[in-house]
């Protein structure tokens, strides 16, 4: 029995859950960003639509759609092994979205006269989400690059914790 066995077991467990944790964290930041955007857009939309339900639906649809487009732009290269041709677009999208999210956080905090600490905390969340997004995409692209030569990547369901592990040769890893 190796003295590193407990550490290896913990490391293995972390490696199994990390892909799902990354994606969950990214999606939660998208949801938080959409909620802040909807909060800010509600009043201007209410003046145009003049209907509470209509303004609410419009704000939510607009914000969720924008975050979904962000998700698609950032993760499109992950659909095809080795297709990391749009790294600049991914970085630019992530950067622009985090800047807009941080501005929205401060505007929302100002609108409800919230403390600067709340705005800073929410901004930190948006920034961390951007970093997480870029790290995750980088790991996916690195995985694809490492497995291109003589290897194949087999698609697995999203819920599979081993989804980031390539299958080499005859399908074993």
N, C-alpha and C. Protein backbone atom coordinates (compact mmCIF):
# COMPACT_ATOMS: atom_id res chain seq x y z
N UNK A 1 0.84 -1.18 0.00
CA UNK A 1 0.00 0.00 0.00
C UNK A 1 0.89 1.24 0.00
N UNK A 2 0.65 2.12 -0.92
CA UNK A 2 1.44 3.33 -1.07
C UNK A 2 1.01 4.39 -0.07
N UNK A 3 1.97 5.17 0.38
CA UNK A 3 1.64 6.24 1.31
C UNK A 3 0.88 7.36 0.61
N UNK A 4 0.91 7.39 -0.71
CA UNK A 4 0.22 8.42 -1.48
C UNK A 4 -1.18 8.00 -1.90
N UNK A 5 -1.60 6.81 -1.50
CA UNK A 5 -2.90 6.30 -1.93
C UNK A 5 -4.07 7.21 -1.55
N UNK A 6 -4.14 7.73 -0.31
CA UNK A 6 -5.25 8.65 0.00
C UNK A 6 -5.22 9.92 -0.86
N UNK A 7 -4.04 10.46 -1.10
CA UNK A 7 -3.90 11.65 -1.92
C UNK A 7 -4.30 11.34 -3.36
N UNK A 8 -3.87 10.17 -3.86
CA UNK A 8 -4.24 9.78 -5.21
C UNK A 8 -5.74 9.59 -5.35
N UNK A 9 -6.38 9.07 -4.32
CA UNK A 9 -7.83 8.88 -4.35
C UNK A 9 -8.55 10.23 -4.38
N UNK A 10 -8.07 11.18 -3.60
CA UNK A 10 -8.68 12.52 -3.60
C UNK A 10 -8.46 13.18 -4.95
N UNK A 11 -7.24 13.08 -5.48
CA UNK A 11 -6.93 13.66 -6.78
C UNK A 11 -7.82 13.06 -7.86
N UNK A 12 -7.99 11.77 -7.83
CA UNK A 12 -8.83 11.08 -8.80
C UNK A 12 -10.29 11.54 -8.69
N UNK A 13 -10.77 11.69 -7.46
CA UNK A 13 -12.15 12.15 -7.26
C UNK A 13 -12.33 13.57 -7.79
N UNK A 14 -11.35 14.43 -7.55
CA UNK A 14 -11.42 15.81 -8.04
C UNK A 14 -11.41 15.82 -9.57
N UNK A 15 -10.55 15.00 -10.18
CA UNK A 15 -10.49 14.94 -11.64
C UNK A 15 -11.80 14.46 -12.24
N UNK A 16 -12.51 13.58 -11.52
CA UNK A 16 -13.80 13.08 -12.02
C UNK A 16 -14.88 14.14 -11.97
N UNK A 17 -14.90 14.96 -10.91
CA UNK A 17 -15.99 15.92 -10.76
C UNK A 17 -15.68 17.29 -11.37
N UNK A 18 -14.41 17.57 -11.63
CA UNK A 18 -14.04 18.90 -12.10
C UNK A 18 -14.74 19.35 -13.39
N UNK A 19 -14.82 18.52 -14.43
CA UNK A 19 -15.52 18.99 -15.64
C UNK A 19 -16.96 19.43 -15.36
N UNK A 20 -17.68 18.65 -14.58
CA UNK A 20 -19.06 19.02 -14.25
C UNK A 20 -19.10 20.26 -13.38
N UNK A 21 -18.15 20.39 -12.47
CA UNK A 21 -18.10 21.57 -11.60
C UNK A 21 -17.79 22.83 -12.41
N UNK A 22 -16.85 22.73 -13.36
CA UNK A 22 -16.54 23.85 -14.24
C UNK A 22 -17.80 24.31 -14.96
N UNK A 23 -18.46 23.39 -15.62
CA UNK A 23 -19.63 23.74 -16.41
C UNK A 23 -20.75 24.29 -15.53
N UNK A 24 -20.95 23.72 -14.37
CA UNK A 24 -21.96 24.21 -13.44
C UNK A 24 -21.65 25.64 -13.01
N UNK A 25 -20.40 25.90 -12.67
CA UNK A 25 -20.00 27.25 -12.27
C UNK A 25 -20.21 28.26 -13.38
N UNK A 26 -19.86 27.88 -14.59
CA UNK A 26 -20.03 28.78 -15.74
C UNK A 26 -21.51 29.08 -15.95
N UNK A 27 -22.35 28.05 -15.91
CA UNK A 27 -23.79 28.25 -16.11
C UNK A 27 -24.38 29.11 -15.00
N UNK A 28 -23.94 28.92 -13.76
CA UNK A 28 -24.44 29.75 -12.65
C UNK A 28 -24.07 31.22 -12.84
N UNK A 29 -22.88 31.48 -13.35
CA UNK A 29 -22.50 32.88 -13.62
C UNK A 29 -23.34 33.44 -14.76
N UNK A 30 -23.62 32.63 -15.78
CA UNK A 30 -24.51 33.08 -16.86
C UNK A 30 -25.88 33.44 -16.31
N UNK A 31 -26.40 32.62 -15.40
CA UNK A 31 -27.71 32.88 -14.80
C UNK A 31 -27.68 34.18 -13.98
N UNK A 32 -26.64 34.35 -13.17
CA UNK A 32 -26.52 35.57 -12.36
C UNK A 32 -26.42 36.80 -13.25
N UNK A 33 -25.65 36.70 -14.30
CA UNK A 33 -25.50 37.82 -15.23
C UNK A 33 -26.83 38.15 -15.91
N UNK A 34 -27.56 37.11 -16.33
CA UNK A 34 -28.86 37.33 -16.96
C UNK A 34 -29.84 37.98 -15.99
N UNK A 35 -29.80 37.57 -14.74
CA UNK A 35 -30.71 38.13 -13.73
C UNK A 35 -30.42 39.62 -13.51
N UNK A 36 -29.14 39.97 -13.42
CA UNK A 36 -28.77 41.37 -13.24
C UNK A 36 -29.19 42.19 -14.45
N UNK A 37 -28.96 41.65 -15.64
CA UNK A 37 -29.37 42.35 -16.86
C UNK A 37 -30.88 42.54 -16.90
N UNK A 38 -31.64 41.50 -16.55
CA UNK A 38 -33.10 41.60 -16.57
C UNK A 38 -33.58 42.66 -15.60
N UNK A 39 -32.94 42.73 -14.44
CA UNK A 39 -33.29 43.75 -13.45
C UNK A 39 -33.11 45.14 -14.03
N UNK A 40 -32.00 45.35 -14.74
CA UNK A 40 -31.72 46.66 -15.31
C UNK A 40 -32.62 47.00 -16.50
N UNK A 41 -32.99 46.00 -17.28
CA UNK A 41 -33.79 46.24 -18.47
C UNK A 41 -35.28 46.37 -18.19
N UNK A 42 -35.72 45.89 -17.05
CA UNK A 42 -37.15 45.86 -16.76
C UNK A 42 -37.79 47.25 -16.83
N UNK A 43 -37.24 48.23 -16.14
CA UNK A 43 -37.84 49.57 -16.12
C UNK A 43 -37.88 50.22 -17.51
N UNK A 44 -36.78 50.21 -18.28
CA UNK A 44 -36.86 50.79 -19.63
C UNK A 44 -37.87 50.04 -20.51
N UNK A 45 -37.91 48.71 -20.40
CA UNK A 45 -38.87 47.95 -21.20
C UNK A 45 -40.31 48.23 -20.76
N UNK A 46 -40.51 48.45 -19.48
CA UNK A 46 -41.84 48.75 -18.97
C UNK A 46 -42.36 50.08 -19.55
N UNK A 47 -41.46 51.04 -19.74
CA UNK A 47 -41.87 52.32 -20.34
C UNK A 47 -42.27 52.15 -21.80
N UNK A 48 -41.62 51.22 -22.50
CA UNK A 48 -41.92 50.99 -23.91
C UNK A 48 -43.14 50.09 -24.08
N UNK A 49 -43.18 48.99 -23.32
CA UNK A 49 -44.24 48.00 -23.47
C UNK A 49 -45.49 48.37 -22.68
N UNK A 50 -45.34 49.07 -21.57
CA UNK A 50 -46.43 49.52 -20.70
C UNK A 50 -47.29 48.37 -20.19
N UNK A 51 -46.67 47.23 -19.97
CA UNK A 51 -47.36 46.06 -19.43
C UNK A 51 -46.35 45.31 -18.58
N UNK A 52 -46.67 45.11 -17.31
CA UNK A 52 -45.73 44.48 -16.38
C UNK A 52 -45.32 43.09 -16.84
N UNK A 53 -46.28 42.27 -17.22
CA UNK A 53 -45.98 40.90 -17.65
C UNK A 53 -45.18 40.92 -18.94
N UNK A 54 -45.57 41.77 -19.88
CA UNK A 54 -44.84 41.86 -21.15
C UNK A 54 -43.41 42.32 -20.97
N UNK A 55 -43.21 43.32 -20.11
CA UNK A 55 -41.86 43.83 -19.85
C UNK A 55 -41.01 42.77 -19.17
N UNK A 56 -41.62 42.03 -18.24
CA UNK A 56 -40.89 40.97 -17.55
C UNK A 56 -40.47 39.88 -18.53
N UNK A 57 -41.41 39.44 -19.36
CA UNK A 57 -41.10 38.39 -20.34
C UNK A 57 -40.04 38.86 -21.32
N UNK A 58 -40.17 40.09 -21.80
CA UNK A 58 -39.18 40.62 -22.75
C UNK A 58 -37.80 40.71 -22.11
N UNK A 59 -37.72 41.19 -20.89
CA UNK A 59 -36.42 41.32 -20.20
C UNK A 59 -35.78 39.95 -20.00
N UNK A 60 -36.57 38.98 -19.54
CA UNK A 60 -36.03 37.64 -19.29
C UNK A 60 -35.60 36.98 -20.60
N UNK A 61 -36.44 37.05 -21.63
CA UNK A 61 -36.08 36.43 -22.92
C UNK A 61 -34.83 37.06 -23.52
N UNK A 62 -34.74 38.37 -23.48
CA UNK A 62 -33.57 39.05 -24.02
C UNK A 62 -32.30 38.64 -23.28
N UNK A 63 -32.36 38.64 -21.97
CA UNK A 63 -31.17 38.35 -21.17
C UNK A 63 -30.75 36.89 -21.25
N UNK A 64 -31.71 35.99 -21.20
CA UNK A 64 -31.40 34.56 -21.31
C UNK A 64 -30.85 34.26 -22.71
N UNK A 65 -31.45 34.87 -23.73
CA UNK A 65 -30.97 34.67 -25.10
C UNK A 65 -29.53 35.14 -25.27
N UNK A 66 -29.23 36.30 -24.71
CA UNK A 66 -27.87 36.83 -24.81
C UNK A 66 -26.86 35.90 -24.13
N UNK A 67 -27.20 35.41 -22.94
CA UNK A 67 -26.28 34.50 -22.25
C UNK A 67 -26.16 33.16 -22.98
N UNK A 68 -27.24 32.72 -23.60
CA UNK A 68 -27.19 31.47 -24.37
C UNK A 68 -26.30 31.65 -25.60
N UNK A 69 -26.38 32.81 -26.25
CA UNK A 69 -25.50 33.09 -27.39
C UNK A 69 -24.04 33.11 -26.93
N UNK A 70 -23.80 33.68 -25.77
CA UNK A 70 -22.45 33.69 -25.19
C UNK A 70 -21.96 32.25 -25.03
N UNK A 71 -22.80 31.41 -24.46
CA UNK A 71 -22.45 30.00 -24.26
C UNK A 71 -22.10 29.34 -25.60
N UNK A 72 -22.93 29.57 -26.61
CA UNK A 72 -22.68 28.95 -27.92
C UNK A 72 -21.39 29.46 -28.55
N UNK A 73 -21.14 30.76 -28.47
CA UNK A 73 -19.91 31.31 -29.03
C UNK A 73 -18.69 30.71 -28.34
N UNK A 74 -18.74 30.65 -27.03
CA UNK A 74 -17.59 30.19 -26.26
C UNK A 74 -17.33 28.70 -26.47
N UNK A 75 -18.37 27.90 -26.58
CA UNK A 75 -18.18 26.45 -26.63
C UNK A 75 -18.32 25.83 -28.02
N UNK A 76 -18.49 26.60 -29.07
CA UNK A 76 -18.63 26.04 -30.41
C UNK A 76 -17.42 25.21 -30.82
N UNK A 77 -16.21 25.69 -30.54
CA UNK A 77 -15.02 24.93 -30.92
C UNK A 77 -14.94 23.58 -30.24
N UNK A 78 -15.62 23.41 -29.12
CA UNK A 78 -15.56 22.16 -28.39
C UNK A 78 -16.34 21.04 -29.08
N UNK A 79 -17.13 21.39 -30.08
CA UNK A 79 -17.91 20.38 -30.79
C UNK A 79 -17.05 19.52 -31.70
N UNK A 80 -15.95 20.08 -32.17
CA UNK A 80 -15.09 19.37 -33.11
C UNK A 80 -13.68 19.29 -32.53
N UNK A 81 -13.14 18.09 -32.47
CA UNK A 81 -11.79 17.89 -31.94
C UNK A 81 -10.79 18.70 -32.75
N UNK A 82 -9.94 19.44 -32.05
CA UNK A 82 -8.88 20.18 -32.70
C UNK A 82 -9.31 21.50 -33.32
N UNK A 83 -10.58 21.85 -33.20
CA UNK A 83 -11.07 23.08 -33.83
C UNK A 83 -10.98 24.24 -32.86
N UNK A 84 -9.77 24.69 -32.59
CA UNK A 84 -9.62 25.84 -31.70
C UNK A 84 -9.17 27.05 -32.50
N UNK A 85 -9.82 27.24 -33.65
CA UNK A 85 -9.46 28.33 -34.54
C UNK A 85 -9.99 29.68 -34.10
N UNK A 86 -10.97 29.69 -33.24
CA UNK A 86 -11.59 30.96 -32.87
C UNK A 86 -11.23 31.38 -31.45
N UNK A 87 -10.02 31.13 -31.02
CA UNK A 87 -9.59 31.49 -29.67
C UNK A 87 -9.73 32.99 -29.44
N UNK A 88 -9.41 33.80 -30.45
CA UNK A 88 -9.55 35.25 -30.30
C UNK A 88 -11.00 35.63 -30.08
N UNK A 89 -11.91 35.05 -30.85
CA UNK A 89 -13.34 35.35 -30.71
C UNK A 89 -13.84 34.95 -29.33
N UNK A 90 -13.40 33.80 -28.85
CA UNK A 90 -13.81 33.33 -27.52
C UNK A 90 -13.32 34.30 -26.45
N UNK A 91 -12.06 34.67 -26.52
CA UNK A 91 -11.50 35.60 -25.53
C UNK A 91 -12.19 36.96 -25.60
N UNK A 92 -12.41 37.44 -26.81
CA UNK A 92 -13.06 38.73 -26.98
C UNK A 92 -14.49 38.70 -26.44
N UNK A 93 -15.23 37.65 -26.76
CA UNK A 93 -16.61 37.52 -26.27
C UNK A 93 -16.62 37.47 -24.75
N UNK A 94 -15.76 36.65 -24.18
CA UNK A 94 -15.71 36.52 -22.73
C UNK A 94 -15.34 37.86 -22.08
N UNK A 95 -14.34 38.54 -22.65
CA UNK A 95 -13.91 39.82 -22.10
C UNK A 95 -15.02 40.87 -22.18
N UNK A 96 -15.65 41.00 -23.35
CA UNK A 96 -16.72 41.99 -23.53
C UNK A 96 -17.88 41.69 -22.58
N UNK A 97 -18.24 40.42 -22.45
CA UNK A 97 -19.35 40.05 -21.58
C UNK A 97 -19.03 40.33 -20.11
N UNK A 98 -17.80 40.10 -19.69
CA UNK A 98 -17.46 40.37 -18.29
C UNK A 98 -17.43 41.87 -18.03
N UNK A 99 -16.94 42.66 -18.97
CA UNK A 99 -16.95 44.12 -18.80
C UNK A 99 -18.39 44.62 -18.71
N UNK A 100 -19.24 44.15 -19.63
CA UNK A 100 -20.66 44.56 -19.58
C UNK A 100 -21.32 44.11 -18.29
N UNK A 101 -21.02 42.89 -17.86
CA UNK A 101 -21.61 42.38 -16.62
C UNK A 101 -21.20 43.22 -15.42
N UNK A 102 -19.93 43.60 -15.36
CA UNK A 102 -19.45 44.42 -14.25
C UNK A 102 -20.11 45.80 -14.28
N UNK A 103 -20.23 46.40 -15.46
CA UNK A 103 -20.93 47.68 -15.57
C UNK A 103 -22.38 47.55 -15.13
N UNK A 104 -23.02 46.45 -15.53
CA UNK A 104 -24.41 46.22 -15.14
C UNK A 104 -24.54 46.05 -13.63
N UNK A 105 -23.59 45.36 -13.03
CA UNK A 105 -23.62 45.18 -11.57
C UNK A 105 -23.58 46.53 -10.88
N UNK A 106 -22.68 47.40 -11.30
CA UNK A 106 -22.58 48.71 -10.66
C UNK A 106 -23.82 49.56 -10.93
N UNK A 107 -24.39 49.46 -12.12
CA UNK A 107 -25.62 50.19 -12.42
C UNK A 107 -26.78 49.67 -11.57
N UNK A 108 -26.86 48.36 -11.43
CA UNK A 108 -27.93 47.77 -10.61
C UNK A 108 -27.77 48.17 -9.15
N UNK A 109 -26.54 48.15 -8.66
CA UNK A 109 -26.29 48.54 -7.27
C UNK A 109 -26.66 50.01 -7.06
N UNK A 110 -26.34 50.85 -8.04
CA UNK A 110 -26.67 52.27 -7.95
C UNK A 110 -28.19 52.48 -8.00
N UNK A 111 -28.86 51.70 -8.83
CA UNK A 111 -30.31 51.84 -8.99
C UNK A 111 -31.06 51.52 -7.69
N UNK A 112 -30.57 50.56 -6.94
CA UNK A 112 -31.24 50.19 -5.69
C UNK A 112 -30.51 50.74 -4.47
N UNK A 113 -29.56 51.62 -4.72
CA UNK A 113 -28.77 52.24 -3.66
C UNK A 113 -28.13 51.19 -2.75
N UNK A 114 -27.58 50.18 -3.37
CA UNK A 114 -26.90 49.12 -2.62
C UNK A 114 -25.46 49.53 -2.33
N UNK A 115 -24.89 48.88 -1.38
CA UNK A 115 -23.52 49.17 -0.98
C UNK A 115 -22.53 48.78 -2.08
N UNK A 116 -21.44 49.51 -2.11
CA UNK A 116 -20.38 49.21 -3.07
C UNK A 116 -19.84 47.79 -2.87
N UNK A 117 -19.85 47.32 -1.64
CA UNK A 117 -19.36 45.97 -1.36
C UNK A 117 -20.16 44.92 -2.12
N UNK A 118 -21.46 45.13 -2.24
CA UNK A 118 -22.29 44.19 -3.00
C UNK A 118 -21.89 44.22 -4.47
N UNK A 119 -21.71 45.41 -5.00
CA UNK A 119 -21.32 45.56 -6.40
C UNK A 119 -19.95 44.93 -6.64
N UNK A 120 -19.02 45.15 -5.73
CA UNK A 120 -17.69 44.55 -5.89
C UNK A 120 -17.74 43.03 -5.83
N UNK A 121 -18.54 42.50 -4.92
CA UNK A 121 -18.66 41.04 -4.80
C UNK A 121 -19.27 40.44 -6.06
N UNK A 122 -20.33 41.06 -6.55
CA UNK A 122 -20.96 40.56 -7.78
C UNK A 122 -20.01 40.70 -8.97
N UNK A 123 -19.24 41.78 -9.00
CA UNK A 123 -18.26 41.98 -10.08
C UNK A 123 -17.17 40.92 -10.01
N UNK A 124 -16.75 40.60 -8.81
CA UNK A 124 -15.76 39.53 -8.64
C UNK A 124 -16.30 38.21 -9.16
N UNK A 125 -17.58 37.95 -8.90
CA UNK A 125 -18.21 36.74 -9.42
C UNK A 125 -18.20 36.73 -10.94
N UNK A 126 -18.53 37.85 -11.56
CA UNK A 126 -18.52 37.94 -13.03
C UNK A 126 -17.11 37.73 -13.58
N UNK A 127 -16.12 38.33 -12.94
CA UNK A 127 -14.74 38.16 -13.39
C UNK A 127 -14.29 36.72 -13.22
N UNK A 128 -14.60 36.12 -12.09
CA UNK A 128 -14.24 34.71 -11.85
C UNK A 128 -14.91 33.81 -12.88
N UNK A 129 -16.15 34.13 -13.23
CA UNK A 129 -16.85 33.35 -14.26
C UNK A 129 -16.15 33.44 -15.60
N UNK A 130 -15.67 34.63 -15.94
CA UNK A 130 -14.93 34.82 -17.19
C UNK A 130 -13.66 33.99 -17.19
N UNK A 131 -12.92 34.04 -16.10
CA UNK A 131 -11.68 33.26 -15.99
C UNK A 131 -11.98 31.77 -16.08
N UNK A 132 -13.01 31.33 -15.37
CA UNK A 132 -13.41 29.92 -15.40
C UNK A 132 -13.79 29.50 -16.81
N UNK A 133 -14.52 30.33 -17.49
CA UNK A 133 -14.94 30.07 -18.87
C UNK A 133 -13.71 29.88 -19.77
N UNK A 134 -12.75 30.80 -19.66
CA UNK A 134 -11.55 30.72 -20.49
C UNK A 134 -10.69 29.50 -20.14
N UNK A 135 -10.57 29.20 -18.85
CA UNK A 135 -9.80 28.03 -18.44
C UNK A 135 -10.44 26.74 -18.95
N UNK A 136 -11.74 26.65 -18.84
CA UNK A 136 -12.44 25.44 -19.27
C UNK A 136 -12.28 25.23 -20.78
N UNK A 137 -12.47 26.29 -21.55
CA UNK A 137 -12.31 26.18 -23.00
C UNK A 137 -10.87 25.83 -23.34
N UNK A 138 -9.92 26.42 -22.63
CA UNK A 138 -8.52 26.11 -22.85
C UNK A 138 -8.23 24.64 -22.59
N UNK A 139 -8.80 24.10 -21.51
CA UNK A 139 -8.61 22.67 -21.20
C UNK A 139 -9.23 21.80 -22.28
N UNK A 140 -10.41 22.18 -22.76
CA UNK A 140 -11.04 21.40 -23.82
C UNK A 140 -10.20 21.41 -25.09
N UNK A 141 -9.69 22.59 -25.46
CA UNK A 141 -8.86 22.69 -26.66
C UNK A 141 -7.54 21.95 -26.50
N UNK A 142 -6.96 22.01 -25.30
CA UNK A 142 -5.71 21.29 -25.04
C UNK A 142 -5.94 19.79 -25.16
N UNK A 143 -7.05 19.33 -24.62
CA UNK A 143 -7.40 17.91 -24.70
C UNK A 143 -7.51 17.48 -26.15
N UNK A 144 -8.17 18.32 -26.96
CA UNK A 144 -8.35 17.99 -28.37
C UNK A 144 -7.02 17.95 -29.10
N UNK A 145 -6.14 18.92 -28.83
CA UNK A 145 -4.84 18.98 -29.48
C UNK A 145 -3.98 17.77 -29.12
N UNK A 146 -4.01 17.37 -27.85
CA UNK A 146 -3.20 16.24 -27.40
C UNK A 146 -3.68 14.92 -27.97
N UNK A 147 -4.94 14.81 -28.33
CA UNK A 147 -5.47 13.53 -28.79
C UNK A 147 -5.60 13.43 -30.30
N UNK A 148 -5.22 14.47 -31.03
CA UNK A 148 -5.36 14.44 -32.48
C UNK A 148 -4.49 13.38 -33.14
N UNK A 149 -3.26 13.22 -32.71
CA UNK A 149 -2.33 12.31 -33.37
C UNK A 149 -2.63 10.86 -33.00
N UNK A 150 -3.28 10.13 -33.89
CA UNK A 150 -3.53 8.71 -33.70
C UNK A 150 -4.57 8.36 -32.66
N UNK A 151 -5.31 9.31 -32.22
CA UNK A 151 -6.31 9.06 -31.20
C UNK A 151 -7.68 9.44 -31.72
N UNK A 152 -8.68 9.02 -31.01
CA UNK A 152 -10.02 9.44 -31.37
C UNK A 152 -10.74 9.88 -30.11
N UNK A 153 -11.64 10.80 -30.28
CA UNK A 153 -12.44 11.26 -29.16
C UNK A 153 -13.84 10.72 -29.37
N UNK A 154 -14.34 10.07 -28.37
CA UNK A 154 -15.67 9.48 -28.46
C UNK A 154 -16.60 10.36 -27.65
N UNK A 155 -17.70 10.78 -28.29
CA UNK A 155 -18.66 11.63 -27.59
C UNK A 155 -19.32 10.84 -26.48
N UNK A 156 -19.45 11.49 -25.34
CA UNK A 156 -20.11 10.88 -24.19
C UNK A 156 -21.21 11.81 -23.73
N UNK A 157 -22.20 11.31 -23.02
CA UNK A 157 -23.25 12.19 -22.51
C UNK A 157 -22.66 13.25 -21.59
N UNK A 158 -23.30 14.43 -21.54
CA UNK A 158 -22.79 15.53 -20.72
C UNK A 158 -22.68 15.17 -19.25
N UNK A 159 -23.54 14.31 -18.76
CA UNK A 159 -23.52 13.96 -17.35
C UNK A 159 -22.36 13.07 -16.95
N UNK A 160 -21.60 12.56 -17.90
CA UNK A 160 -20.50 11.66 -17.59
C UNK A 160 -19.32 12.46 -17.05
N UNK A 161 -18.88 12.13 -15.86
CA UNK A 161 -17.77 12.84 -15.23
C UNK A 161 -16.46 12.66 -15.98
N UNK A 162 -16.35 11.63 -16.80
CA UNK A 162 -15.13 11.37 -17.54
C UNK A 162 -15.17 11.99 -18.93
N UNK A 163 -16.08 12.93 -19.16
CA UNK A 163 -16.30 13.47 -20.49
C UNK A 163 -15.07 14.16 -21.08
N UNK A 164 -14.15 14.62 -20.25
CA UNK A 164 -12.96 15.28 -20.77
C UNK A 164 -11.80 14.33 -21.03
N UNK A 165 -11.99 13.06 -20.73
CA UNK A 165 -10.91 12.13 -20.93
C UNK A 165 -11.04 11.47 -22.32
N UNK A 166 -10.01 11.61 -23.15
CA UNK A 166 -10.08 11.05 -24.50
C UNK A 166 -9.95 9.53 -24.46
N UNK A 167 -10.48 8.90 -25.47
CA UNK A 167 -10.27 7.48 -25.62
C UNK A 167 -9.19 7.31 -26.69
N UNK A 168 -8.20 6.52 -26.39
CA UNK A 168 -7.05 6.36 -27.26
C UNK A 168 -7.10 4.97 -27.91
N UNK A 169 -6.71 4.94 -29.17
CA UNK A 169 -6.58 3.66 -29.86
C UNK A 169 -7.88 2.90 -29.97
N UNK A 170 -7.98 1.79 -29.23
CA UNK A 170 -9.13 0.92 -29.37
C UNK A 170 -10.30 1.33 -28.48
N UNK A 171 -10.28 2.55 -27.97
CA UNK A 171 -11.40 3.02 -27.16
C UNK A 171 -11.13 2.92 -25.67
N UNK A 172 -9.97 2.44 -25.26
CA UNK A 172 -9.61 2.36 -23.84
C UNK A 172 -8.88 3.62 -23.44
N UNK A 173 -9.02 4.00 -22.17
CA UNK A 173 -8.24 5.15 -21.68
C UNK A 173 -7.61 4.83 -20.37
